[in-house]
């Protein structure tokens, strides 16, 4: 899942995806426009499951 979203979103300055818990992740972007793209262009799914995306702060998104 991590590699797939990095390939789809093609973050300019990189992307770090951290596991927080089972099915809970933090996506850290290093370029504001990449995060804005993800928020604007969603609804995102993986393996038939809807991803719920919440804007956490300037450069992070929480996904579950």
PDB file of N, CA and C in Angstrom:
ATOM      1  N   UNK A   1       0.830  -1.175   0.000  1.00  0.00           N
ATOM      2  CA  UNK A   1       0.000   0.000   0.000  1.00  0.00           C
ATOM      3  C   UNK A   1       0.882   1.249   0.000  1.00  0.00           C
ATOM      4  N   UNK A   2       1.911   1.262   0.812  1.00  0.00           N
ATOM      5  CA  UNK A   2       2.783   2.435   0.888  1.00  0.00           C
ATOM      6  C   UNK A   2       3.432   2.727  -0.462  1.00  0.00           C
ATOM      7  N   UNK A   3       3.987   1.722  -1.085  1.00  0.00           N
ATOM      8  CA  UNK A   3       4.655   1.908  -2.386  1.00  0.00           C
ATOM      9  C   UNK A   3       3.659   2.340  -3.454  1.00  0.00           C
ATOM     10  N   UNK A   4       2.450   1.791  -3.410  1.00  0.00           N
ATOM     11  CA  UNK A   4       1.447   2.124  -4.409  1.00  0.00           C
ATOM     12  C   UNK A   4       1.086   3.616  -4.353  1.00  0.00           C
ATOM     13  N   UNK A   5       0.835   4.137  -3.153  1.00  0.00           N
ATOM     14  CA  UNK A   5       0.466   5.549  -3.050  1.00  0.00           C
ATOM     15  C   UNK A   5       1.629   6.465  -3.396  1.00  0.00           C
ATOM     16  N   UNK A   6       2.852   6.067  -3.067  1.00  0.00           N
ATOM     17  CA  UNK A   6       4.004   6.880  -3.480  1.00  0.00           C
ATOM     18  C   UNK A   6       4.082   6.945  -5.002  1.00  0.00           C
ATOM     19  N   UNK A   7       3.769   5.846  -5.681  1.00  0.00           N
ATOM     20  CA  UNK A   7       3.803   5.822  -7.147  1.00  0.00           C
ATOM     21  C   UNK A   7       2.636   6.578  -7.768  1.00  0.00           C
ATOM     22  N   UNK A   8       1.479   6.552  -7.141  1.00  0.00           N
ATOM     23  CA  UNK A   8       0.304   7.263  -7.668  1.00  0.00           C
ATOM     24  C   UNK A   8       0.443   8.769  -7.451  1.00  0.00           C
ATOM     25  N   UNK A   9       0.816   9.166  -6.246  1.00  0.00           N
ATOM     26  CA  UNK A   9       0.853  10.578  -5.894  1.00  0.00           C
ATOM     27  C   UNK A   9       2.122  11.274  -6.370  1.00  0.00           C
ATOM     28  N   UNK A  10       3.209  10.538  -6.597  1.00  0.00           N
ATOM     29  CA  UNK A  10       4.484  11.081  -7.066  1.00  0.00           C
ATOM     30  C   UNK A  10       4.896  12.356  -6.311  1.00  0.00           C
ATOM     31  N   UNK A  11       5.083  12.244  -5.006  1.00  0.00           N
ATOM     32  CA  UNK A  11       5.432  13.433  -4.223  1.00  0.00           C
ATOM     33  C   UNK A  11       6.782  14.021  -4.637  1.00  0.00           C
ATOM     34  N   UNK A  12       6.797  15.322  -4.905  1.00  0.00           N
ATOM     35  CA  UNK A  12       7.977  16.016  -5.411  1.00  0.00           C
ATOM     36  C   UNK A  12       9.159  15.904  -4.456  1.00  0.00           C
ATOM     37  N   UNK A  13       8.939  16.159  -3.188  1.00  0.00           N
ATOM     38  CA  UNK A  13      10.030  16.153  -2.212  1.00  0.00           C
ATOM     39  C   UNK A  13       9.951  14.960  -1.266  1.00  0.00           C
ATOM     40  N   UNK A  14       9.227  13.948  -1.655  1.00  0.00           N
ATOM     41  CA  UNK A  14       9.168  12.734  -0.852  1.00  0.00           C
ATOM     42  C   UNK A  14       7.924  12.640   0.007  1.00  0.00           C
ATOM     43  N   UNK A  15       7.757  11.454   0.570  1.00  0.00           N
ATOM     44  CA  UNK A  15       6.606  11.134   1.402  1.00  0.00           C
ATOM     45  C   UNK A  15       7.040  10.057   2.378  1.00  0.00           C
ATOM     46  N   UNK A  16       6.727  10.245   3.633  1.00  0.00           N
ATOM     47  CA  UNK A  16       6.980   9.235   4.656  1.00  0.00           C
ATOM     48  C   UNK A  16       5.632   8.746   5.145  1.00  0.00           C
ATOM     49  N   UNK A  17       5.463   7.428   5.182  1.00  0.00           N
ATOM     50  CA  UNK A  17       4.223   6.827   5.675  1.00  0.00           C
ATOM     51  C   UNK A  17       4.569   6.008   6.904  1.00  0.00           C
ATOM     52  N   UNK A  18       3.961   6.370   8.026  1.00  0.00           N
ATOM     53  CA  UNK A  18       4.225   5.676   9.292  1.00  0.00           C
ATOM     54  C   UNK A  18       2.979   4.915   9.743  1.00  0.00           C
ATOM     55  N   UNK A  19       3.194   3.714  10.243  1.00  0.00           N
ATOM     56  CA  UNK A  19       2.122   2.923  10.846  1.00  0.00           C
ATOM     57  C   UNK A  19       1.913   3.410  12.277  1.00  0.00           C
ATOM     58  N   UNK A  20       0.700   3.799  12.626  1.00  0.00           N
ATOM     59  CA  UNK A  20       0.387   4.189  13.996  1.00  0.00           C
ATOM     60  C   UNK A  20      -0.265   3.056  14.766  1.00  0.00           C
ATOM     61  N   UNK A  21      -1.079   2.294  14.075  1.00  0.00           N
ATOM     62  CA  UNK A  21      -1.834   1.194  14.670  1.00  0.00           C
ATOM     63  C   UNK A  21      -2.316   0.331  13.520  1.00  0.00           C
ATOM     64  N   UNK A  22      -3.054  -0.717  13.819  1.00  0.00           N
ATOM     65  CA  UNK A  22      -3.609  -1.550  12.765  1.00  0.00           C
ATOM     66  C   UNK A  22      -4.548  -0.691  11.914  1.00  0.00           C
ATOM     67  N   UNK A  23      -4.248  -0.596  10.626  1.00  0.00           N
ATOM     68  CA  UNK A  23      -5.041   0.173   9.660  1.00  0.00           C
ATOM     69  C   UNK A  23      -5.111   1.661   9.969  1.00  0.00           C
ATOM     70  N   UNK A  24      -4.088   2.200  10.620  1.00  0.00           N
ATOM     71  CA  UNK A  24      -4.014   3.639  10.902  1.00  0.00           C
ATOM     72  C   UNK A  24      -2.608   4.121  10.557  1.00  0.00           C
ATOM     73  N   UNK A  25      -2.524   5.103   9.684  1.00  0.00           N
ATOM     74  CA  UNK A  25      -1.245   5.569   9.161  1.00  0.00           C
ATOM     75  C   UNK A  25      -1.174   7.089   9.194  1.00  0.00           C
ATOM     76  N   UNK A  26       0.046   7.605   9.226  1.00  0.00           N
ATOM     77  CA  UNK A  26       0.292   9.034   9.034  1.00  0.00           C
ATOM     78  C   UNK A  26       1.111   9.173   7.762  1.00  0.00           C
ATOM     79  N   UNK A  27       0.644  10.034   6.866  1.00  0.00           N
ATOM     80  CA  UNK A  27       1.341  10.345   5.631  1.00  0.00           C
ATOM     81  C   UNK A  27       1.964  11.723   5.811  1.00  0.00           C
ATOM     82  N   UNK A  28       3.297  11.812   5.784  1.00  0.00           N
ATOM     83  CA  UNK A  28       3.981  13.089   5.952  1.00  0.00           C
ATOM     84  C   UNK A  28       4.530  13.547   4.606  1.00  0.00           C
ATOM     85  N   UNK A  29       4.064  14.701   4.179  1.00  0.00           N
ATOM     86  CA  UNK A  29       4.499  15.290   2.916  1.00  0.00           C
ATOM     87  C   UNK A  29       5.532  16.380   3.198  1.00  0.00           C
ATOM     88  N   UNK A  30       6.433  16.593   2.246  1.00  0.00           N
ATOM     89  CA  UNK A  30       7.466  17.603   2.401  1.00  0.00           C
ATOM     90  C   UNK A  30       7.291  18.739   1.391  1.00  0.00           C
ATOM     91  N   UNK A  31       6.140  18.737   0.732  1.00  0.00           N
ATOM     92  CA  UNK A  31       5.784  19.789  -0.214  1.00  0.00           C
ATOM     93  C   UNK A  31       4.277  19.992  -0.104  1.00  0.00           C
ATOM     94  N   UNK A  32       3.887  21.186   0.294  1.00  0.00           N
ATOM     95  CA  UNK A  32       2.489  21.479   0.600  1.00  0.00           C
ATOM     96  C   UNK A  32       1.541  21.141  -0.550  1.00  0.00           C
ATOM     97  N   UNK A  33       1.943  21.400  -1.771  1.00  0.00           N
ATOM     98  CA  UNK A  33       1.055  21.147  -2.911  1.00  0.00           C
ATOM     99  C   UNK A  33       0.765  19.660  -3.100  1.00  0.00           C
ATOM    100  N   UNK A  34       1.678  18.784  -2.684  1.00  0.00           N
ATOM    101  CA  UNK A  34       1.400  17.347  -2.759  1.00  0.00           C
ATOM    102  C   UNK A  34       0.266  16.968  -1.819  1.00  0.00           C
ATOM    103  N   UNK A  35       0.297  17.489  -0.611  1.00  0.00           N
ATOM    104  CA  UNK A  35      -0.776  17.211   0.345  1.00  0.00           C
ATOM    105  C   UNK A  35      -2.089  17.795  -0.147  1.00  0.00           C
ATOM    106  N   UNK A  36      -2.051  19.003  -0.678  1.00  0.00           N
ATOM    107  CA  UNK A  36      -3.267  19.626  -1.201  1.00  0.00           C
ATOM    108  C   UNK A  36      -3.865  18.799  -2.338  1.00  0.00           C
ATOM    109  N   UNK A  37      -3.008  18.223  -3.193  1.00  0.00           N
ATOM    110  CA  UNK A  37      -3.474  17.359  -4.273  1.00  0.00           C
ATOM    111  C   UNK A  37      -4.230  16.158  -3.713  1.00  0.00           C
ATOM    112  N   UNK A  38      -3.662  15.503  -2.706  1.00  0.00           N
ATOM    113  CA  UNK A  38      -4.294  14.313  -2.115  1.00  0.00           C
ATOM    114  C   UNK A  38      -5.648  14.674  -1.522  1.00  0.00           C
ATOM    115  N   UNK A  39      -5.713  15.788  -0.818  1.00  0.00           N
ATOM    116  CA  UNK A  39      -6.982  16.214  -0.213  1.00  0.00           C
ATOM    117  C   UNK A  39      -8.011  16.582  -1.275  1.00  0.00           C
ATOM    118  N   UNK A  40      -7.587  17.250  -2.330  1.00  0.00           N
ATOM    119  CA  UNK A  40      -8.507  17.733  -3.359  1.00  0.00           C
ATOM    120  C   UNK A  40      -8.969  16.626  -4.302  1.00  0.00           C
ATOM    121  N   UNK A  41      -8.079  15.736  -4.684  1.00  0.00           N
ATOM    122  CA  UNK A  41      -8.377  14.741  -5.712  1.00  0.00           C
ATOM    123  C   UNK A  41      -8.986  13.452  -5.181  1.00  0.00           C
ATOM    124  N   UNK A  42      -9.067  13.278  -3.846  1.00  0.00           N
ATOM    125  CA  UNK A  42      -9.662  12.055  -3.288  1.00  0.00           C
ATOM    126  C   UNK A  42     -11.112  11.985  -3.677  1.00  0.00           C
ATOM    127  N   UNK A  43     -11.656  10.994  -3.569  1.00  0.00           N
ATOM    128  CA  UNK A  43     -11.810   9.856  -2.694  1.00  0.00           C
ATOM    129  C   UNK A  43     -10.806   8.764  -3.098  1.00  0.00           C
ATOM    130  N   UNK A  44     -10.069   8.244  -2.109  1.00  0.00           N
ATOM    131  CA  UNK A  44      -9.043   7.252  -2.349  1.00  0.00           C
ATOM    132  C   UNK A  44      -9.480   5.911  -1.779  1.00  0.00           C
ATOM    133  N   UNK A  45      -9.105   4.853  -2.473  1.00  0.00           N
ATOM    134  CA  UNK A  45      -9.382   3.496  -1.993  1.00  0.00           C
ATOM    135  C   UNK A  45      -8.120   2.662  -2.140  1.00  0.00           C
ATOM    136  N   UNK A  46      -8.074   1.590  -1.371  1.00  0.00           N
ATOM    137  CA  UNK A  46      -7.008   0.603  -1.494  1.00  0.00           C
ATOM    138  C   UNK A  46      -7.601  -0.767  -1.247  1.00  0.00           C
ATOM    139  N   UNK A  47      -7.373  -1.658  -2.186  1.00  0.00           N
ATOM    140  CA  UNK A  47      -7.844  -3.042  -2.080  1.00  0.00           C
ATOM    141  C   UNK A  47      -9.350  -3.095  -1.791  1.00  0.00           C
ATOM    142  N   UNK A  48     -10.090  -2.188  -2.438  1.00  0.00           N
ATOM    143  CA  UNK A  48     -11.541  -2.158  -2.289  1.00  0.00           C
ATOM    144  C   UNK A  48     -12.048  -1.478  -1.031  1.00  0.00           C
ATOM    145  N   UNK A  49     -11.141  -0.913  -0.236  1.00  0.00           N
ATOM    146  CA  UNK A  49     -11.527  -0.243   1.014  1.00  0.00           C
ATOM    147  C   UNK A  49     -11.333   1.263   0.886  1.00  0.00           C
ATOM    148  N   UNK A  50     -12.296   2.017   1.370  1.00  0.00           N
ATOM    149  CA  UNK A  50     -12.239   3.470   1.363  1.00  0.00           C
ATOM    150  C   UNK A  50     -11.220   3.955   2.388  1.00  0.00           C
ATOM    151  N   UNK A  51     -10.398   4.928   2.003  1.00  0.00           N
ATOM    152  CA  UNK A  51      -9.465   5.544   2.938  1.00  0.00           C
ATOM    153  C   UNK A  51     -10.090   6.824   3.473  1.00  0.00           C
ATOM    154  N   UNK A  52     -10.148   6.951   4.753  1.00  0.00           N
ATOM    155  CA  UNK A  52     -10.620   8.176   5.386  1.00  0.00           C
ATOM    156  C   UNK A  52      -9.406   9.029   5.673  1.00  0.00           C
ATOM    157  N   UNK A  53      -9.396  10.245   5.145  1.00  0.00           N
ATOM    158  CA  UNK A  53      -8.230  11.114   5.225  1.00  0.00           C
ATOM    159  C   UNK A  53      -8.579  12.337   6.053  1.00  0.00           C
ATOM    160  N   UNK A  54      -7.725  12.632   7.036  1.00  0.00           N
ATOM    161  CA  UNK A  54      -7.934  13.801   7.890  1.00  0.00           C
ATOM    162  C   UNK A  54      -6.668  14.647   7.884  1.00  0.00           C
ATOM    163  N   UNK A  55      -6.836  15.935   7.670  1.00  0.00           N
ATOM    164  CA  UNK A  55      -5.722  16.874   7.684  1.00  0.00           C
ATOM    165  C   UNK A  55      -5.284  17.078   9.129  1.00  0.00           C
ATOM    166  N   UNK A  56      -4.072  16.677   9.450  1.00  0.00           N
ATOM    167  CA  UNK A  56      -3.588  16.734  10.829  1.00  0.00           C
ATOM    168  C   UNK A  56      -2.899  18.055  11.148  1.00  0.00           C
ATOM    169  N   UNK A  57      -1.970  18.474  10.316  1.00  0.00           N
ATOM    170  CA  UNK A  57      -1.307  19.769  10.467  1.00  0.00           C
ATOM    171  C   UNK A  57      -0.693  20.146   9.128  1.00  0.00           C
ATOM    172  N   UNK A  58       0.266  21.025   9.128  1.00  0.00           N
ATOM    173  CA  UNK A  58       0.814  21.566   7.878  1.00  0.00           C
ATOM    174  C   UNK A  58       1.226  20.498   6.871  1.00  0.00           C
ATOM    175  N   UNK A  59       1.956  19.484   7.311  1.00  0.00           N
ATOM    176  CA  UNK A  59       2.503  18.548   6.340  1.00  0.00           C
ATOM    177  C   UNK A  59       2.066  17.099   6.551  1.00  0.00           C
ATOM    178  N   UNK A  60       1.101  16.832   7.435  1.00  0.00           N
ATOM    179  CA  UNK A  60       0.717  15.457   7.709  1.00  0.00           C
ATOM    180  C   UNK A  60      -0.767  15.203   7.478  1.00  0.00           C
ATOM    181  N   UNK A  61      -1.063  13.980   7.068  1.00  0.00           N
ATOM    182  CA  UNK A  61      -2.432  13.491   6.954  1.00  0.00           C
ATOM    183  C   UNK A  61      -2.537  12.210   7.747  1.00  0.00           C
ATOM    184  N   UNK A  62      -3.654  12.012   8.429  1.00  0.00           N
ATOM    185  CA  UNK A  62      -3.912  10.738   9.083  1.00  0.00           C
ATOM    186  C   UNK A  62      -4.891   9.974   8.217  1.00  0.00           C
ATOM    187  N   UNK A  63      -4.584   8.710   7.988  1.00  0.00           N
ATOM    188  CA  UNK A  63      -5.395   7.872   7.099  1.00  0.00           C
ATOM    189  C   UNK A  63      -5.753   6.603   7.827  1.00  0.00           C
ATOM    190  N   UNK A  64      -7.040   6.257   7.784  1.00  0.00           N
ATOM    191  CA  UNK A  64      -7.480   4.977   8.335  1.00  0.00           C
ATOM    192  C   UNK A  64      -8.613   4.450   7.533  1.00  0.00           C
TER     193      UNK A  64
END
